[in-house]
Amino acid sequence: MSETTTTTVYEPGAVVLIPFRFTDRSGTKQRPAVVLSVSDYQTSRADTVFMGLSSREGPTYFGDVRIEQWQEAGLLYPTVAMGVIQTVETDRIMKSIGILNRTDFERVREAARRILGL
């Protein structure tokens, strides 16, 4: 199998701005997301795996993670990583905003493992 050449590879834990697809596929909205996929995945495919980020308040659901150091990550508001794992074509990523600190990203990775039963 041949590798896909990707111009930009994002570090796991990077906070990026993407066109986030609604779960009912009715449309998209620009919003921040945290990159989950490693560079080997990103360089061999046209996609990047991520969890969307939201400033919504209220109840959290299975797999959601509150980001404690949201300002350090370049986010404007208190933020929750939503327990919804998606992919987006890497060339659709609009820009990099920042990066989650180690503790917040470990909590996001653990949530992804629980969501997938790993």
PDB file of N, CA and C in Angstrom:
ATOM      1  N   MET A   1       0.845  -1.171   0.000  1.00  0.00           N
ATOM      2  CA  MET A   1       0.000   0.000   0.000  1.00  0.00           C
ATOM      3  C   MET A   1       0.891   1.235   0.000  1.00  0.00           C
ATOM      4  N   SER A   2       0.575   2.208  -0.800  1.00  0.00           N
ATOM      5  CA  SER A   2       1.400   3.408  -0.881  1.00  0.00           C
ATOM      6  C   SER A   2       0.984   4.416   0.185  1.00  0.00           C
ATOM      7  N   GLU A   3       1.917   5.281   0.516  1.00  0.00           N
ATOM      8  CA  GLU A   3       1.637   6.309   1.506  1.00  0.00           C
ATOM      9  C   GLU A   3       1.116   7.559   0.829  1.00  0.00           C
ATOM     10  N   THR A   4       0.221   8.247   1.502  1.00  0.00           N
ATOM     11  CA  THR A   4      -0.294   9.521   1.045  1.00  0.00           C
ATOM     12  C   THR A   4       0.611  10.610   1.575  1.00  0.00           C
ATOM     13  N   THR A   5       1.017  11.514   0.722  1.00  0.00           N
ATOM     14  CA  THR A   5       1.862  12.608   1.172  1.00  0.00           C
ATOM     15  C   THR A   5       0.984  13.670   1.808  1.00  0.00           C
ATOM     16  N   THR A   6       1.261  13.979   3.061  1.00  0.00           N
ATOM     17  CA  THR A   6       0.534  15.008   3.788  1.00  0.00           C
ATOM     18  C   THR A   6       1.479  16.166   4.018  1.00  0.00           C
ATOM     19  N   THR A   7       1.018  17.372   3.721  1.00  0.00           N
ATOM     20  CA  THR A   7       1.892  18.521   3.872  1.00  0.00           C
ATOM     21  C   THR A   7       2.078  18.907   5.330  1.00  0.00           C
ATOM     22  N   THR A   8       1.055  18.749   6.155  1.00  0.00           N
ATOM     23  CA  THR A   8       1.150  19.119   7.554  1.00  0.00           C
ATOM     24  C   THR A   8       0.749  17.938   8.420  1.00  0.00           C
ATOM     25  N   VAL A   9       1.557  17.690   9.443  1.00  0.00           N
ATOM     26  CA  VAL A   9       1.245  16.653  10.424  1.00  0.00           C
ATOM     27  C   VAL A   9       1.066  17.355  11.754  1.00  0.00           C
ATOM     28  N   TYR A  10      -0.014  17.037  12.448  1.00  0.00           N
ATOM     29  CA  TYR A  10      -0.322  17.675  13.715  1.00  0.00           C
ATOM     30  C   TYR A  10       0.008  16.726  14.864  1.00  0.00           C
ATOM     31  N   GLU A  11       0.644  17.258  15.878  1.00  0.00           N
ATOM     32  CA  GLU A  11       1.019  16.489  17.058  1.00  0.00           C
ATOM     33  C   GLU A  11      -0.244  16.071  17.823  1.00  0.00           C
ATOM     34  N   PRO A  12      -0.288  14.840  18.321  1.00  0.00           N
ATOM     35  CA  PRO A  12      -1.417  14.472  19.187  1.00  0.00           C
ATOM     36  C   PRO A  12      -1.501  15.456  20.350  1.00  0.00           C
ATOM     37  N   GLY A  13      -2.704  15.931  20.611  1.00  0.00           N
ATOM     38  CA  GLY A  13      -2.901  16.947  21.642  1.00  0.00           C
ATOM     39  C   GLY A  13      -2.979  18.349  21.088  1.00  0.00           C
ATOM     40  N   ALA A  14      -2.654  18.512  19.792  1.00  0.00           N
ATOM     41  CA  ALA A  14      -2.759  19.834  19.167  1.00  0.00           C
ATOM     42  C   ALA A  14      -4.222  20.261  19.129  1.00  0.00           C
ATOM     43  N   VAL A  15      -4.450  21.531  19.377  1.00  0.00           N
ATOM     44  CA  VAL A  15      -5.782  22.112  19.268  1.00  0.00           C
ATOM     45  C   VAL A  15      -5.832  22.837  17.932  1.00  0.00           C
ATOM     46  N   VAL A  16      -6.785  22.437  17.083  1.00  0.00           N
ATOM     47  CA  VAL A  16      -6.894  22.978  15.733  1.00  0.00           C
ATOM     48  C   VAL A  16      -8.316  23.471  15.487  1.00  0.00           C
ATOM     49  N   LEU A  17      -8.477  24.303  14.487  1.00  0.00           N
ATOM     50  CA  LEU A  17      -9.797  24.780  14.071  1.00  0.00           C
ATOM     51  C   LEU A  17     -10.205  23.996  12.837  1.00  0.00           C
ATOM     52  N   ILE A  18     -11.393  23.358  12.905  1.00  0.00           N
ATOM     53  CA  ILE A  18     -11.863  22.520  11.804  1.00  0.00           C
ATOM     54  C   ILE A  18     -13.329  22.794  11.500  1.00  0.00           C
ATOM     55  N   PRO A  19     -13.786  22.369  10.307  1.00  0.00           N
ATOM     56  CA  PRO A  19     -15.222  22.363  10.044  1.00  0.00           C
ATOM     57  C   PRO A  19     -15.798  21.104  10.696  1.00  0.00           C
ATOM     58  N   PHE A  20     -16.405  21.233  11.877  1.00  0.00           N
ATOM     59  CA  PHE A  20     -16.898  20.106  12.653  1.00  0.00           C
ATOM     60  C   PHE A  20     -18.234  19.627  12.087  1.00  0.00           C
ATOM     61  N   ARG A  21     -18.314  18.359  11.772  1.00  0.00           N
ATOM     62  CA  ARG A  21     -19.521  17.761  11.188  1.00  0.00           C
ATOM     63  C   ARG A  21     -20.498  17.402  12.299  1.00  0.00           C
ATOM     64  N   PHE A  22     -21.743  17.853  12.185  1.00  0.00           N
ATOM     65  CA  PHE A  22     -22.772  17.479  13.150  1.00  0.00           C
ATOM     66  C   PHE A  22     -23.027  15.984  13.051  1.00  0.00           C
ATOM     67  N   THR A  23     -23.365  15.341  14.178  1.00  0.00           N
ATOM     68  CA  THR A  23     -23.547  13.895  14.178  1.00  0.00           C
ATOM     69  C   THR A  23     -24.683  13.455  13.258  1.00  0.00           C
ATOM     70  N   ASP A  24     -25.674  14.323  13.031  1.00  0.00           N
ATOM     71  CA  ASP A  24     -26.761  13.956  12.114  1.00  0.00           C
ATOM     72  C   ASP A  24     -26.414  14.294  10.656  1.00  0.00           C
ATOM     73  N   ARG A  25     -25.176  14.759  10.437  1.00  0.00           N
ATOM     74  CA  ARG A  25     -24.641  15.097   9.116  1.00  0.00           C
ATOM     75  C   ARG A  25     -25.422  16.205   8.403  1.00  0.00           C
ATOM     76  N   SER A  26     -26.136  17.036   9.176  1.00  0.00           N
ATOM     77  CA  SER A  26     -26.934  18.104   8.582  1.00  0.00           C
ATOM     78  C   SER A  26     -26.104  19.320   8.191  1.00  0.00           C
ATOM     79  N   GLY A  27     -24.862  19.369   8.612  1.00  0.00           N
ATOM     80  CA  GLY A  27     -24.020  20.498   8.269  1.00  0.00           C
ATOM     81  C   GLY A  27     -22.751  20.508   9.083  1.00  0.00           C
ATOM     82  N   THR A  28     -22.034  21.611   9.000  1.00  0.00           N
ATOM     83  CA  THR A  28     -20.792  21.765   9.748  1.00  0.00           C
ATOM     84  C   THR A  28     -20.754  23.140  10.405  1.00  0.00           C
ATOM     85  N   LYS A  29     -19.885  23.247  11.402  1.00  0.00           N
ATOM     86  CA  LYS A  29     -19.655  24.514  12.073  1.00  0.00           C
ATOM     87  C   LYS A  29     -18.176  24.577  12.422  1.00  0.00           C
ATOM     88  N   GLN A  30     -17.564  25.740  12.231  1.00  0.00           N
ATOM     89  CA  GLN A  30     -16.159  25.876  12.585  1.00  0.00           C
ATOM     90  C   GLN A  30     -16.038  25.827  14.102  1.00  0.00           C
ATOM     91  N   ARG A  31     -15.171  24.920  14.581  1.00  0.00           N
ATOM     92  CA  ARG A  31     -14.958  24.822  16.008  1.00  0.00           C
ATOM     93  C   ARG A  31     -13.612  24.190  16.281  1.00  0.00           C
ATOM     94  N   PRO A  32     -13.109  24.379  17.487  1.00  0.00           N
ATOM     95  CA  PRO A  32     -11.834  23.763  17.824  1.00  0.00           C
ATOM     96  C   PRO A  32     -11.991  22.265  18.062  1.00  0.00           C
ATOM     97  N   ALA A  33     -10.894  21.559  17.881  1.00  0.00           N
ATOM     98  CA  ALA A  33     -10.846  20.117  18.112  1.00  0.00           C
ATOM     99  C   ALA A  33      -9.453  19.755  18.593  1.00  0.00           C
ATOM    100  N   VAL A  34      -9.346  18.612  19.262  1.00  0.00           N
ATOM    101  CA  VAL A  34      -8.049  18.139  19.704  1.00  0.00           C
ATOM    102  C   VAL A  34      -7.667  16.916  18.874  1.00  0.00           C
ATOM    103  N   VAL A  35      -6.456  16.919  18.342  1.00  0.00           N
ATOM    104  CA  VAL A  35      -5.952  15.834  17.500  1.00  0.00           C
ATOM    105  C   VAL A  35      -5.631  14.630  18.369  1.00  0.00           C
ATOM    106  N   LEU A  36      -6.115  13.441  17.935  1.00  0.00           N
ATOM    107  CA  LEU A  36      -5.829  12.180  18.619  1.00  0.00           C
ATOM    108  C   LEU A  36      -4.815  11.333  17.857  1.00  0.00           C
ATOM    109  N   SER A  37      -4.839  11.400  16.538  1.00  0.00           N
ATOM    110  CA  SER A  37      -4.022  10.493  15.722  1.00  0.00           C
ATOM    111  C   SER A  37      -2.546  10.864  15.735  1.00  0.00           C
ATOM    112  N   VAL A  38      -1.726   9.826  15.629  1.00  0.00           N
ATOM    113  CA  VAL A  38      -0.266  10.002  15.620  1.00  0.00           C
ATOM    114  C   VAL A  38       0.213  10.319  14.207  1.00  0.00           C
ATOM    115  N   SER A  39       1.452  10.767  14.093  1.00  0.00           N
ATOM    116  CA  SER A  39       1.991  11.193  12.797  1.00  0.00           C
ATOM    117  C   SER A  39       1.996  10.062  11.769  1.00  0.00           C
ATOM    118  N   ASP A  40       2.295   8.814  12.177  1.00  0.00           N
ATOM    119  CA  ASP A  40       2.288   7.696  11.226  1.00  0.00           C
ATOM    120  C   ASP A  40       0.917   7.538  10.573  1.00  0.00           C
ATOM    121  N   TYR A  41      -0.139   7.698  11.351  1.00  0.00           N
ATOM    122  CA  TYR A  41      -1.496   7.613  10.808  1.00  0.00           C
ATOM    123  C   TYR A  41      -1.731   8.754   9.819  1.00  0.00           C
ATOM    124  N   GLN A  42      -1.379   9.958  10.241  1.00  0.00           N
ATOM    125  CA  GLN A  42      -1.647  11.136   9.406  1.00  0.00           C
ATOM    126  C   GLN A  42      -0.863  11.129   8.105  1.00  0.00           C
ATOM    127  N   THR A  43       0.358  10.594   8.107  1.00  0.00           N
ATOM    128  CA  THR A  43       1.150  10.585   6.880  1.00  0.00           C
ATOM    129  C   THR A  43       0.751   9.454   5.941  1.00  0.00           C
ATOM    130  N   SER A  44       0.045   8.449   6.450  1.00  0.00           N
ATOM    131  CA  SER A  44      -0.351   7.340   5.594  1.00  0.00           C
ATOM    132  C   SER A  44      -1.784   7.476   5.085  1.00  0.00           C
ATOM    133  N   ARG A  45      -2.511   8.442   5.576  1.00  0.00           N
ATOM    134  CA  ARG A  45      -3.909   8.653   5.186  1.00  0.00           C
ATOM    135  C   ARG A  45      -4.146  10.138   4.923  1.00  0.00           C
ATOM    136  N   ALA A  46      -5.278  10.434   4.362  1.00  0.00           N
ATOM    137  CA  ALA A  46      -5.637  11.829   4.111  1.00  0.00           C
ATOM    138  C   ALA A  46      -6.398  12.445   5.282  1.00  0.00           C
ATOM    139  N   ASP A  47      -6.618  11.659   6.343  1.00  0.00           N
ATOM    140  CA  ASP A  47      -7.448  12.101   7.464  1.00  0.00           C
ATOM    141  C   ASP A  47      -6.657  12.272   8.754  1.00  0.00           C
ATOM    142  N   THR A  48      -7.251  13.025   9.671  1.00  0.00           N
ATOM    143  CA  THR A  48      -6.762  13.178  11.036  1.00  0.00           C
ATOM    144  C   THR A  48      -7.915  12.823  11.963  1.00  0.00           C
ATOM    145  N   VAL A  49      -7.616  12.097  13.037  1.00  0.00           N
ATOM    146  CA  VAL A  49      -8.631  11.692  14.013  1.00  0.00           C
ATOM    147  C   VAL A  49      -8.639  12.719  15.137  1.00  0.00           C
ATOM    148  N   PHE A  50      -9.831  13.099  15.600  1.00  0.00           N
ATOM    149  CA  PHE A  50      -9.937  14.138  16.612  1.00  0.00           C
ATOM    150  C   PHE A  50     -11.174  13.961  17.476  1.00  0.00           C
ATOM    151  N   MET A  51     -11.215  14.717  18.562  1.00  0.00           N
ATOM    152  CA  MET A  51     -12.425  14.919  19.366  1.00  0.00           C
ATOM    153  C   MET A  51     -12.712  16.413  19.329  1.00  0.00           C
ATOM    154  N   GLY A  52     -13.971  16.763  19.107  1.00  0.00           N
ATOM    155  CA  GLY A  52     -14.359  18.167  19.078  1.00  0.00           C
ATOM    156  C   GLY A  52     -14.316  18.783  20.457  1.00  0.00           C
ATOM    157  N   LEU A  53     -14.126  20.087  20.502  1.00  0.00           N
ATOM    158  CA  LEU A  53     -14.101  20.840  21.749  1.00  0.00           C
ATOM    159  C   LEU A  53     -15.284  21.797  21.759  1.00  0.00           C
ATOM    160  N   SER A  54     -15.872  21.988  22.939  1.00  0.00           N
ATOM    161  CA  SER A  54     -17.041  22.845  23.045  1.00  0.00           C
ATOM    162  C   SER A  54     -16.982  23.663  24.324  1.00  0.00           C
ATOM    163  N   SER A  55     -17.502  24.859  24.260  1.00  0.00           N
ATOM    164  CA  SER A  55     -17.589  25.705  25.452  1.00  0.00           C
ATOM    165  C   SER A  55     -18.964  25.594  26.101  1.00  0.00           C
ATOM    166  N   ARG A  56     -19.761  24.639  25.663  1.00  0.00           N
ATOM    167  CA  ARG A  56     -21.108  24.492  26.226  1.00  0.00           C
ATOM    168  C   ARG A  56     -21.027  24.180  27.713  1.00  0.00           C
ATOM    169  N   GLU A  57     -21.996  24.697  28.428  1.00  0.00           N
ATOM    170  CA  GLU A  57     -22.087  24.418  29.856  1.00  0.00           C
ATOM    171  C   GLU A  57     -23.209  23.418  30.067  1.00  0.00           C
ATOM    172  N   GLY A  58     -23.258  22.859  31.230  1.00  0.00           N
ATOM    173  CA  GLY A  58     -24.313  21.909  31.535  1.00  0.00           C
ATOM    174  C   GLY A  58     -23.765  20.521  31.753  1.00  0.00           C
ATOM    175  N   PRO A  59     -24.630  19.533  31.604  1.00  0.00           N
ATOM    176  CA  PRO A  59     -24.199  18.165  31.919  1.00  0.00           C
ATOM    177  C   PRO A  59     -23.170  17.654  30.923  1.00  0.00           C
ATOM    178  N   THR A  60     -22.333  16.778  31.403  1.00  0.00           N
ATOM    179  CA  THR A  60     -21.395  16.102  30.519  1.00  0.00           C
ATOM    180  C   THR A  60     -21.913  14.693  30.286  1.00  0.00           C
ATOM    181  N   TYR A  61     -21.454  14.075  29.223  1.00  0.00           N
ATOM    182  CA  TYR A  61     -21.885  12.745  28.841  1.00  0.00           C
ATOM    183  C   TYR A  61     -20.695  11.795  28.892  1.00  0.00           C
ATOM    184  N   PHE A  62     -20.969  10.515  28.748  1.00  0.00           N
ATOM    185  CA  PHE A  62     -19.908   9.519  28.768  1.00  0.00           C
ATOM    186  C   PHE A  62     -18.836   9.906  27.748  1.00  0.00           C
ATOM    187  N   GLY A  63     -17.599   9.925  28.190  1.00  0.00           N
ATOM    188  CA  GLY A  63     -16.481  10.247  27.302  1.00  0.00           C
ATOM    189  C   GLY A  63     -16.117  11.714  27.231  1.00  0.00           C
ATOM    190  N   ASP A  64     -16.951  12.595  27.783  1.00  0.00           N
ATOM    191  CA  ASP A  64     -16.614  14.023  27.798  1.00  0.00           C
ATOM    192  C   ASP A  64     -15.538  14.283  28.839  1.00  0.00           C
ATOM    193  N   VAL A  65     -14.680  15.254  28.561  1.00  0.00           N
ATOM    194  CA  VAL A  65     -13.583  15.605  29.470  1.00  0.00           C
ATOM    195  C   VAL A  65     -13.491  17.122  29.577  1.00  0.00           C
ATOM    196  N   ARG A  66     -13.569  17.625  30.789  1.00  0.00           N
ATOM    197  CA  ARG A  66     -13.361  19.059  30.998  1.00  0.00           C
ATOM    198  C   ARG A  66     -11.868  19.364  30.875  1.00  0.00           C
ATOM    199  N   ILE A  67     -11.544  20.379  30.087  1.00  0.00           N
ATOM    200  CA  ILE A  67     -10.157  20.803  29.911  1.00  0.00           C
ATOM    201  C   ILE A  67      -9.854  21.812  31.014  1.00  0.00           C
ATOM    202  N   GLU A  68      -8.943  21.443  31.894  1.00  0.00           N
ATOM    203  CA  GLU A  68      -8.621  22.283  33.045  1.00  0.00           C
ATOM    204  C   GLU A  68      -7.782  23.497  32.654  1.00  0.00           C
ATOM    205  N   GLN A  69      -6.794  23.300  31.815  1.00  0.00           N
ATOM    206  CA  GLN A  69      -5.880  24.382  31.427  1.00  0.00           C
ATOM    207  C   GLN A  69      -6.241  24.899  30.027  1.00  0.00           C
ATOM    208  N   TRP A  70      -7.491  25.291  29.841  1.00  0.00           N
ATOM    209  CA  TRP A  70      -8.000  25.680  28.525  1.00  0.00           C
ATOM    210  C   TRP A  70      -7.316  26.941  27.991  1.00  0.00           C
ATOM    211  N   GLN A  71      -6.982  27.877  28.853  1.00  0.00           N
ATOM    212  CA  GLN A  71      -6.331  29.106  28.377  1.00  0.00           C
ATOM    213  C   GLN A  71      -4.930  28.816  27.846  1.00  0.00           C
ATOM    214  N   GLU A  72      -4.197  27.926  28.515  1.00  0.00           N
ATOM    215  CA  GLU A  72      -2.856  27.552  28.061  1.00  0.00           C
ATOM    216  C   GLU A  72      -2.888  26.897  26.683  1.00  0.00           C
ATOM    217  N   ALA A  73      -4.032  26.265  26.360  1.00  0.00           N
ATOM    218  CA  ALA A  73      -4.173  25.572  25.076  1.00  0.00           C
ATOM    219  C   ALA A  73      -4.611  26.515  23.959  1.00  0.00           C
ATOM    220  N   GLY A  74      -4.760  27.804  24.263  1.00  0.00           N
ATOM    221  CA  GLY A  74      -5.153  28.780  23.253  1.00  0.00           C
ATOM    222  C   GLY A  74      -6.653  28.905  23.071  1.00  0.00           C
ATOM    223  N   LEU A  75      -7.419  28.355  24.020  1.00  0.00           N
ATOM    224  CA  LEU A  75      -8.882  28.410  23.923  1.00  0.00           C
ATOM    225  C   LEU A  75      -9.403  29.655  24.634  1.00  0.00           C
ATOM    226  N   LEU A  76     -10.536  30.163  24.170  1.00  0.00           N
ATOM    227  CA  LEU A  76     -11.061  31.425  24.683  1.00  0.00           C
ATOM    228  C   LEU A  76     -11.996  31.271  25.869  1.00  0.00           C
ATOM    229  N   TYR A  77     -12.559  30.073  26.042  1.00  0.00           N
ATOM    230  CA  TYR A  77     -13.569  29.844  27.079  1.00  0.00           C
ATOM    231  C   TYR A  77     -13.316  28.511  27.768  1.00  0.00           C
ATOM    232  N   PRO A  78     -13.874  28.327  28.967  1.00  0.00           N
ATOM    233  CA  PRO A  78     -13.828  26.995  29.580  1.00  0.00           C
ATOM    234  C   PRO A  78     -14.359  25.977  28.568  1.00  0.00           C
ATOM    235  N   THR A  79     -13.696  24.844  28.483  1.00  0.00           N
ATOM    236  CA  THR A  79     -13.911  23.927  27.364  1.00  0.00           C
ATOM    237  C   THR A  79     -14.062  22.490  27.809  1.00  0.00           C
ATOM    238  N   VAL A  80     -14.876  21.749  27.050  1.00  0.00           N
ATOM    239  CA  VAL A  80     -15.062  20.313  27.235  1.00  0.00           C
ATOM    240  C   VAL A  80     -14.673  19.618  25.931  1.00  0.00           C
ATOM    241  N   ALA A  81     -13.843  18.562  26.048  1.00  0.00           N
ATOM    242  CA  ALA A  81     -13.602  17.688  24.896  1.00  0.00           C
ATOM    243  C   ALA A  81     -14.799  16.755  24.836  1.00  0.00           C
ATOM    244  N   MET A  82     -15.531  16.810  23.743  1.00  0.00           N
ATOM    245  CA  MET A  82     -16.746  16.007  23.600  1.00  0.00           C
ATOM    246  C   MET A  82     -16.381  14.572  23.241  1.00  0.00           C
ATOM    247  N   GLY A  83     -17.031  13.636  23.890  1.00  0.00           N
ATOM    248  CA  GLY A  83     -16.743  12.222  23.687  1.00  0.00           C
ATOM    249  C   GLY A  83     -17.249  11.685  22.367  1.00  0.00           C
ATOM    250  N   VAL A  84     -16.967  12.388  21.288  1.00  0.00           N
ATOM    251  CA  VAL A  84     -17.347  11.973  19.946  1.00  0.00           C
ATOM    252  C   VAL A  84     -16.078  11.975  19.100  1.00  0.00           C
ATOM    253  N   ILE A  85     -15.659  10.797  18.671  1.00  0.00           N
ATOM    254  CA  ILE A  85     -14.440  10.666  17.881  1.00  0.00           C
ATOM    255  C   ILE A  85     -14.805  10.714  16.408  1.00  0.00           C
ATOM    256  N   GLN A  86     -14.122  11.593  15.660  1.00  0.00           N
ATOM    257  CA  GLN A  86     -14.397  11.753  14.241  1.00  0.00           C
ATOM    258  C   GLN A  86     -13.089  11.876  13.473  1.00  0.00           C
ATOM    259  N   THR A  87     -13.218  11.858  12.168  1.00  0.00           N
ATOM    260  CA  THR A  87     -12.081  12.147  11.310  1.00  0.00           C
ATOM    261  C   THR A  87     -12.442  13.338  10.429  1.00  0.00           C
ATOM    262  N   VAL A  88     -11.417  14.031   9.998  1.00  0.00           N
ATOM    263  CA  VAL A  88     -11.583  15.113   9.038  1.00  0.00           C
ATOM    264  C   VAL A  88     -10.393  15.027   8.087  1.00  0.00           C
ATOM    265  N   GLU A  89     -10.616  15.373   6.847  1.00  0.00           N
ATOM    266  CA  GLU A  89      -9.505  15.406   5.903  1.00  0.00           C
ATOM    267  C   GLU A  89      -8.508  16.448   6.398  1.00  0.00           C
ATOM    268  N   THR A  90      -7.269  16.038   6.508  1.00  0.00           N
ATOM    269  CA  THR A  90      -6.241  16.903   7.084  1.00  0.00           C
ATOM    270  C   THR A  90      -6.161  18.245   6.375  1.00  0.00           C
ATOM    271  N   ASP A  91      -6.364  18.266   5.067  1.00  0.00           N
ATOM    272  CA  ASP A  91      -6.269  19.548   4.354  1.00  0.00           C
ATOM    273  C   ASP A  91      -7.442  20.482   4.649  1.00  0.00           C
ATOM    274  N   ARG A  92      -8.445  20.002   5.393  1.00  0.00           N
ATOM    275  CA  ARG A  92      -9.564  20.861   5.792  1.00  0.00           C
ATOM    276  C   ARG A  92      -9.305  21.556   7.133  1.00  0.00           C
ATOM    277  N   ILE A  93      -8.231  21.154   7.829  1.00  0.00           N
ATOM    278  CA  ILE A  93      -7.885  21.830   9.073  1.00  0.00           C
ATOM    279  C   ILE A  93      -7.480  23.255   8.728  1.00  0.00           C
ATOM    280  N   MET A  94      -8.132  24.200   9.376  1.00  0.00           N
ATOM    281  CA  MET A  94      -7.946  25.603   9.025  1.00  0.00           C
ATOM    282  C   MET A  94      -6.686  26.201   9.634  1.00  0.00           C
ATOM    283  N   LYS A  95      -6.436  25.892  10.912  1.00  0.00           N
ATOM    284  CA  LYS A  95      -5.224  26.395  11.548  1.00  0.00           C
ATOM    285  C   LYS A  95      -5.028  25.711  12.891  1.00  0.00           C
ATOM    286  N   SER A  96      -3.814  25.808  13.397  1.00  0.00           N
ATOM    287  CA  SER A  96      -3.477  25.311  14.722  1.00  0.00           C
ATOM    288  C   SER A  96      -3.663  26.451  15.710  1.00  0.00           C
ATOM    289  N   ILE A  97      -4.293  26.149  16.839  1.00  0.00           N
ATOM    290  CA  ILE A  97      -4.568  27.166  17.857  1.00  0.00           C
ATOM    291  C   ILE A  97      -3.585  27.057  19.018  1.00  0.00           C
ATOM    292  N   GLY A  98      -3.246  25.832  19.401  1.00  0.00           N
ATOM    293  CA  GLY A  98      -2.373  25.614  20.553  1.00  0.00           C
ATOM    294  C   GLY A  98      -2.208  24.125  20.792  1.00  0.00           C
ATOM    295  N   ILE A  99      -1.916  23.761  22.033  1.00  0.00           N
ATOM    296  CA  ILE A  99      -1.751  22.352  22.384  1.00  0.00           C
ATOM    297  C   ILE A  99      -2.186  22.154  23.832  1.00  0.00           C
ATOM    298  N   LEU A 100      -2.850  21.020  24.084  1.00  0.00           N
ATOM    299  CA  LEU A 100      -3.252  20.701  25.446  1.00  0.00           C
ATOM    300  C   LEU A 100      -2.024  20.361  26.271  1.00  0.00           C
ATOM    301  N   ASN A 101      -2.060  20.686  27.562  1.00  0.00           N
ATOM    302  CA  ASN A 101      -0.949  20.280  28.413  1.00  0.00           C
ATOM    303  C   ASN A 101      -1.017  18.764  28.616  1.00  0.00           C
ATOM    304  N   ARG A 102       0.039  18.210  29.130  1.00  0.00           N
ATOM    305  CA  ARG A 102       0.162  16.751  29.248  1.00  0.00           C
ATOM    306  C   ARG A 102      -0.982  16.131  30.050  1.00  0.00           C
ATOM    307  N   THR A 103      -1.344  16.730  31.182  1.00  0.00           N
ATOM    308  CA  THR A 103      -2.386  16.176  32.042  1.00  0.00           C
ATOM    309  C   THR A 103      -3.739  16.180  31.342  1.00  0.00           C
ATOM    310  N   ASP A 104      -4.113  17.298  30.728  1.00  0.00           N
ATOM    311  CA  ASP A 104      -5.390  17.355  30.015  1.00  0.00           C
ATOM    312  C   ASP A 104      -5.411  16.360  28.862  1.00  0.00           C
ATOM    313  N   PHE A 105      -4.309  16.261  28.101  1.00  0.00           N
ATOM    314  CA  PHE A 105      -4.313  15.340  26.970  1.00  0.00           C
ATOM    315  C   PHE A 105      -4.379  13.888  27.432  1.00  0.00           C
ATOM    316  N   GLU A 106      -3.718  13.549  28.521  1.00  0.00           N
ATOM    317  CA  GLU A 106      -3.811  12.176  29.042  1.00  0.00           C
ATOM    318  C   GLU A 106      -5.247  11.837  29.421  1.00  0.00           C
ATOM    319  N   ARG A 107      -5.969  12.790  29.987  1.00  0.00           N
ATOM    320  CA  ARG A 107      -7.381  12.564  30.336  1.00  0.00           C
ATOM    321  C   ARG A 107      -8.224  12.379  29.077  1.00  0.00           C
ATOM    322  N   VAL A 108      -7.925  13.136  28.019  1.00  0.00           N
ATOM    323  CA  VAL A 108      -8.642  12.979  26.745  1.00  0.00           C
ATOM    324  C   VAL A 108      -8.330  11.607  26.138  1.00  0.00           C
ATOM    325  N   ARG A 109      -7.050  11.214  26.139  1.00  0.00           N
ATOM    326  CA  ARG A 109      -6.671   9.888  25.602  1.00  0.00           C
ATOM    327  C   ARG A 109      -7.355   8.760  26.371  1.00  0.00           C
ATOM    328  N   GLU A 110      -7.421   8.887  27.690  1.00  0.00           N
ATOM    329  CA  GLU A 110      -8.091   7.863  28.504  1.00  0.00           C
ATOM    330  C   GLU A 110      -9.577   7.793  28.158  1.00  0.00           C
ATOM    331  N   ALA A 111     -10.197   8.941  27.931  1.00  0.00           N
ATOM    332  CA  ALA A 111     -11.613   8.960  27.537  1.00  0.00           C
ATOM    333  C   ALA A 111     -11.791   8.255  26.195  1.00  0.00           C
ATOM    334  N   ALA A 112     -10.882   8.498  25.248  1.00  0.00           N
ATOM    335  CA  ALA A 112     -10.968   7.827  23.938  1.00  0.00           C
ATOM    336  C   ALA A 112     -10.837   6.312  24.098  1.00  0.00           C
ATOM    337  N   ARG A 113      -9.938   5.869  24.966  1.00  0.00           N
ATOM    338  CA  ARG A 113      -9.799   4.419  25.218  1.00  0.00           C
ATOM    339  C   ARG A 113     -11.087   3.843  25.796  1.00  0.00           C
ATOM    340  N   ARG A 114     -11.700   4.562  26.761  1.00  0.00           N
ATOM    341  CA  ARG A 114     -12.950   4.077  27.356  1.00  0.00           C
ATOM    342  C   ARG A 114     -14.074   4.036  26.322  1.00  0.00           C
ATOM    343  N   ILE A 115     -14.147   5.045  25.480  1.00  0.00           N
ATOM    344  CA  ILE A 115     -15.189   5.096  24.445  1.00  0.00           C
ATOM    345  C   ILE A 115     -15.057   3.880  23.512  1.00  0.00           C
ATOM    346  N   LEU A 116     -13.827   3.534  23.159  1.00  0.00           N
ATOM    347  CA  LEU A 116     -13.580   2.430  22.225  1.00  0.00           C
ATOM    348  C   LEU A 116     -13.438   1.072  22.907  1.00  0.00           C
ATOM    349  N   GLY A 117     -13.493   1.055  24.234  1.00  0.00           N
ATOM    350  CA  GLY A 117     -13.375  -0.193  24.966  1.00  0.00           C
ATOM    351  C   GLY A 117     -11.978  -0.792  24.914  1.00  0.00           C
ATOM    352  N   LEU A 118     -10.943   0.045  24.835  1.00  0.00           N
ATOM    353  CA  LEU A 118      -9.566  -0.423  24.742  1.00  0.00           C
ATOM    354  C   LEU A 118      -8.862  -0.415  26.080  1.00  0.00           C
TER     355      LEU A 118
END
